[in-house]
Amino acid sequence: QVQLVESGGGLVQAGGSLRLSCAASGRTFSSYAMGWFRQAPGKEREFVAAINWTGSTYYADSVKGRFTISRDNAKNTVYLRMNSLKPEDTAVYYCAAKYGYSGSYVYRIASSYDYWGQGTQVTVSS
């Protein structure tokens, strides 16, 4: 069992930055691929970024070049650094964990993840 707790969300002006954190419980954090997804009101949950246990990273086209995902296995934590934020980035951001290694396509699918956090709100004002 893995428990995930997100933090770092908030209100920021367009062009600003935020760093989200996701702290995971459990001793096998390094064996999990970690993903960030987001869901805006009235929209489906969408993939944002993922990082596997080897450190390979994957991004949605909409955030590539602006967001950076990283992980610290010693702290059981995954981060999402978000720069140049836009109003369309406004959403609840969720952290997710998927055990083991998969192909890059799989990391983009929400249903492939085993555990989810409760989410943290990010609001970008124009």
Foldseek 3Di string as FASTA:
>chain_A
DKAKAKDWADEEAAQAKIKMKIAMDDDPLLQKKKFKWWDDPPGDIWGAKIAHSVGDIDGDPVQPPFWDWDDDSVRRMIMIIGGRDDQVVWTWMKMFIAGHDDDPVLNGDPVRTDDIYPTDTHGYHD
